[in-house]
């Protein structure tokens, strides 16, 4: 899920929010309770959710060991 950065136009409070693409944009500031939150431009961020990602997840046969070793 993407992580969005917001800044309040009233008090200047900055925050991050983990939201789905389909979630509505946040507008209420948790600090001053004004409806002044705006999304700000930031570096892309996301969270991988689940058991994990491994180099062997989508490999078959002799391609299983890519990190080193003798391929056993």
Protein backbone atom coordinates (compact mmCIF):
# COMPACT_ATOMS: atom_id res chain seq x y z
CA UNK A 1 0.00 0.00 0.00
CA UNK A 2 1.24 3.50 -0.75
CA UNK A 3 2.38 5.86 1.97
CA UNK A 4 1.23 9.45 1.47
CA UNK A 5 2.62 12.61 3.10
CA UNK A 6 0.23 15.33 4.24
CA UNK A 7 0.74 18.84 5.62
CA UNK A 8 -1.79 21.02 7.41
CA UNK A 9 -2.24 24.48 5.92
CA UNK A 10 -3.40 25.85 9.27
CA UNK A 11 -0.83 24.66 11.82
CA UNK A 12 1.90 23.19 9.57
CA UNK A 13 1.69 19.69 11.07
CA UNK A 14 3.19 17.02 8.77
CA UNK A 15 2.19 13.35 8.81
CA UNK A 16 2.33 10.11 6.85
CA UNK A 17 -0.69 7.91 6.12
CA UNK A 18 -0.83 4.38 4.71
CA UNK A 19 -3.82 4.32 2.39
CA UNK A 20 -5.28 2.28 -0.45
CA UNK A 21 -5.53 3.98 -3.85
CA UNK A 22 -9.32 3.89 -3.44
CA UNK A 23 -9.33 5.56 0.02
CA UNK A 24 -10.56 9.17 0.15
CA UNK A 25 -8.01 11.95 0.63
CA UNK A 26 -7.58 12.98 4.28
CA UNK A 27 -8.69 16.53 5.09
CA UNK A 28 -8.93 16.81 8.90
CA UNK A 29 -5.70 17.59 10.77
CA UNK A 30 -5.23 15.34 13.84
CA UNK A 31 -3.41 18.16 15.70
CA UNK A 32 -5.58 21.27 15.23
CA UNK A 33 -8.71 19.56 13.82
CA UNK A 34 -8.94 22.04 10.92
CA UNK A 35 -9.99 20.75 7.49
CA UNK A 36 -6.71 21.96 5.96
CA UNK A 37 -4.71 18.79 5.17
CA UNK A 38 -3.15 18.67 1.70
CA UNK A 39 -1.06 15.94 0.06
CA UNK A 40 2.53 17.01 -0.46
CA UNK A 41 5.09 15.76 -2.97
CA UNK A 42 7.54 13.28 -1.46
CA UNK A 43 9.69 10.32 -2.38
CA UNK A 44 7.59 7.30 -3.31
CA UNK A 45 7.00 4.93 -0.43
CA UNK A 46 5.16 1.66 -0.09
CA UNK A 47 4.90 -1.27 2.26
CA UNK A 48 5.20 -4.89 1.20
CA UNK A 49 2.76 -6.95 3.22
CA UNK A 50 2.97 -10.70 3.68
CA UNK A 51 5.46 -13.43 4.47
CA UNK A 52 8.25 -11.85 2.42
CA UNK A 53 9.92 -11.76 -0.96
CA UNK A 54 12.72 -14.15 -1.74
CA UNK A 55 14.90 -14.60 -4.80
CA UNK A 56 13.76 -18.23 -5.03
CA UNK A 57 10.02 -17.50 -5.07
CA UNK A 58 9.70 -17.49 -8.86
CA UNK A 59 12.71 -19.57 -9.91
CA UNK A 60 12.68 -23.15 -11.14
CA UNK A 61 15.27 -25.84 -11.71
CA UNK A 62 18.96 -24.88 -11.64
CA UNK A 63 18.18 -21.16 -11.24
CA UNK A 64 17.16 -21.59 -7.56
CA UNK A 65 20.44 -20.46 -5.96
CA UNK A 66 21.44 -17.05 -7.30
CA UNK A 67 23.10 -15.62 -4.18
CA UNK A 68 26.14 -17.85 -4.39
CA UNK A 69 27.23 -21.34 -3.54
CA UNK A 70 27.54 -24.31 -5.83
CA UNK A 71 23.89 -24.51 -6.98
CA UNK A 72 22.87 -27.47 -4.81
